[in-house]
Amino acid sequence: MTVQLDLPREAGSVPTVRRMLRSALAVLHIDRDAQDDLEIAITEACSNVVRHANGAENFEVSLDVADHHCSIDVRDTGDGFDPEAVGGHTDASNESGRGLFLIKALGENVRMHSVPRRGSLIHFEKSFA
């Protein structure tokens, strides 16, 4: 199952993406732990776009789900970011800055690519038992 969404860069888009993911995973009877991991990761990726992708009006989410694997891309056309400077180590007491760290911890084959003033791509995958 492949789904691609083009969404406005606003807070209301995040729960829409979460519901779409949850529905796709439920149809394929994916185990609850994997669903929870992916739901947290996609929420963090989309929330980062909403908060930080200055200059972007919309963003795109691509979801490819099969019986044993899920691949997710979150893409924007905002100002971009330095993947080396963010998402590494965070202070456990800090409430912000955890999103990319969580995506890396919960996903597999995580890739982040960003070009200044051209946008960013966050890609992650999850294998199922």
Protein backbone atom coordinates (compact mmCIF):
# COMPACT_ATOMS: atom_id res chain seq x y z
CA MET A 1 0.00 0.00 0.00
CA THR A 2 1.39 3.37 -1.00
CA VAL A 3 -0.04 6.69 0.15
CA GLN A 4 1.20 10.16 -0.66
CA LEU A 5 -0.18 13.28 1.00
CA ASP A 6 0.44 16.93 0.22
CA LEU A 7 -0.55 18.86 3.33
CA PRO A 8 -0.61 22.46 4.51
CA ARG A 9 2.18 23.32 6.94
CA GLU A 10 -0.09 23.71 9.95
CA ALA A 11 -0.54 21.91 13.25
CA GLY A 12 -3.81 20.28 12.14
CA SER A 13 -1.95 18.28 9.50
CA VAL A 14 -0.03 16.25 12.10
CA PRO A 15 -3.02 14.31 13.48
CA THR A 16 -4.21 13.74 9.90
CA VAL A 17 -0.92 12.04 9.06
CA ARG A 18 -1.05 10.01 12.28
CA ARG A 19 -4.57 8.75 11.50
CA MET A 20 -3.57 7.83 7.94
CA LEU A 21 -0.58 5.85 9.20
CA ARG A 22 -2.59 4.13 11.94
CA SER A 23 -5.27 3.08 9.43
CA ALA A 24 -2.75 1.73 6.91
CA LEU A 25 -0.93 -0.30 9.57
CA ALA A 26 -4.16 -1.64 11.07
CA VAL A 27 -5.40 -2.87 7.67
CA LEU A 28 -2.21 -4.94 7.35
CA HIS A 29 -2.42 -6.16 10.97
CA ILE A 30 1.00 -4.77 11.91
CA ASP A 31 1.95 -5.43 15.53
CA ARG A 32 1.13 -2.71 18.05
CA ASP A 33 4.74 -2.02 19.14
CA ALA A 34 5.80 -1.28 15.56
CA GLN A 35 2.69 0.87 15.07
CA ASP A 36 3.53 2.89 18.18
CA ASP A 37 7.16 3.40 17.11
CA LEU A 38 6.15 4.57 13.65
CA GLU A 39 3.41 6.80 14.99
CA ILE A 40 5.84 8.59 17.32
CA ALA A 41 8.46 8.93 14.57
CA ILE A 42 6.07 10.29 11.95
CA THR A 43 4.55 12.68 14.50
CA GLU A 44 8.01 14.04 15.32
CA ALA A 45 8.98 14.39 11.65
CA CYS A 46 5.78 16.23 10.74
CA SER A 47 5.85 18.39 13.88
CA ASN A 48 9.39 19.46 13.00
CA VAL A 49 8.21 20.59 9.57
CA VAL A 50 5.32 22.55 11.07
CA ARG A 51 7.60 24.25 13.60
CA HIS A 52 10.79 24.74 11.64
CA ALA A 53 10.30 24.63 7.85
CA ASN A 54 10.14 28.39 7.45
CA GLY A 55 9.31 29.40 3.91
CA ALA A 56 7.30 26.26 3.12
CA GLU A 57 3.54 26.48 2.68
CA ASN A 58 3.02 22.71 2.31
CA PHE A 59 4.83 19.48 3.02
CA GLU A 60 4.64 15.99 1.60
CA VAL A 61 4.39 12.65 3.37
CA SER A 62 4.96 9.40 1.47
CA LEU A 63 4.12 6.12 3.12
CA ASP A 64 4.88 2.72 1.63
CA VAL A 65 3.63 -0.20 3.75
CA ALA A 66 4.01 -3.89 2.99
CA ASP A 67 3.55 -7.01 5.10
CA HIS A 68 7.05 -6.90 6.57
CA HIS A 69 8.28 -3.35 6.03
CA CYS A 70 7.27 0.32 6.12
CA SER A 71 9.10 3.24 4.52
CA ILE A 72 8.25 6.87 5.27
CA ASP A 73 9.46 10.12 3.69
CA VAL A 74 8.61 13.56 5.03
CA ARG A 75 9.66 16.30 2.62
CA ASP A 76 9.38 20.09 2.74
CA THR A 77 10.58 23.08 0.74
CA GLY A 78 11.54 25.23 3.73
CA ASP A 79 14.80 26.89 4.74
CA GLY A 80 16.48 23.58 5.58
CA PHE A 81 18.63 22.58 8.54
CA ASP A 82 22.04 21.14 9.26
CA PRO A 83 21.44 17.42 10.02
CA GLU A 84 24.85 17.23 11.72
CA ALA A 85 24.00 20.05 14.13
CA VAL A 86 20.60 18.75 15.28
CA GLY A 87 19.21 15.46 16.44
CA GLY A 88 22.40 14.22 18.01
CA HIS A 89 22.60 14.36 21.76
CA THR A 90 19.92 16.10 23.75
CA ASP A 91 19.74 17.05 27.38
CA ALA A 92 17.21 14.74 29.03
CA SER A 93 15.72 17.71 30.90
CA ASN A 94 15.17 19.71 27.68
CA GLU A 95 11.63 19.46 26.32
CA SER A 96 12.58 20.47 22.77
CA GLY A 97 15.13 19.05 20.36
CA ARG A 98 14.17 15.42 20.88
CA GLY A 99 12.32 14.83 17.60
CA LEU A 100 15.20 13.79 15.37
CA PHE A 101 16.75 11.80 18.22
CA LEU A 102 13.47 9.86 18.61
CA ILE A 103 13.20 9.24 14.87
CA LYS A 104 16.72 7.81 14.86
CA ALA A 105 15.99 5.66 17.93
CA LEU A 106 12.66 4.28 16.69
CA GLY A 107 13.34 3.96 12.96
CA GLU A 108 15.74 2.04 10.76
CA ASN A 109 17.78 3.29 7.80
CA VAL A 110 17.18 6.87 8.92
CA ARG A 111 18.44 9.47 6.45
CA MET A 112 18.22 13.21 6.67
CA HIS A 113 19.02 15.46 3.77
CA SER A 114 18.68 19.21 3.69
CA VAL A 115 19.67 21.96 1.30
CA PRO A 116 19.57 25.58 2.52
CA ARG A 117 16.54 27.45 1.11
CA ARG A 118 15.50 24.35 -0.85
CA GLY A 119 14.07 22.08 1.80
CA SER A 120 14.57 18.89 3.70
CA LEU A 121 13.86 15.18 3.54
CA ILE A 122 13.60 12.86 6.50
CA HIS A 123 13.44 9.19 5.52
CA PHE A 124 13.00 6.28 7.91
CA GLU A 125 11.91 2.67 7.76
CA LYS A 126 10.70 -0.07 10.07
CA SER A 127 10.79 -3.83 9.59
CA PHE A 128 8.06 -6.01 11.06
CA ALA A 129 8.38 -9.48 12.55
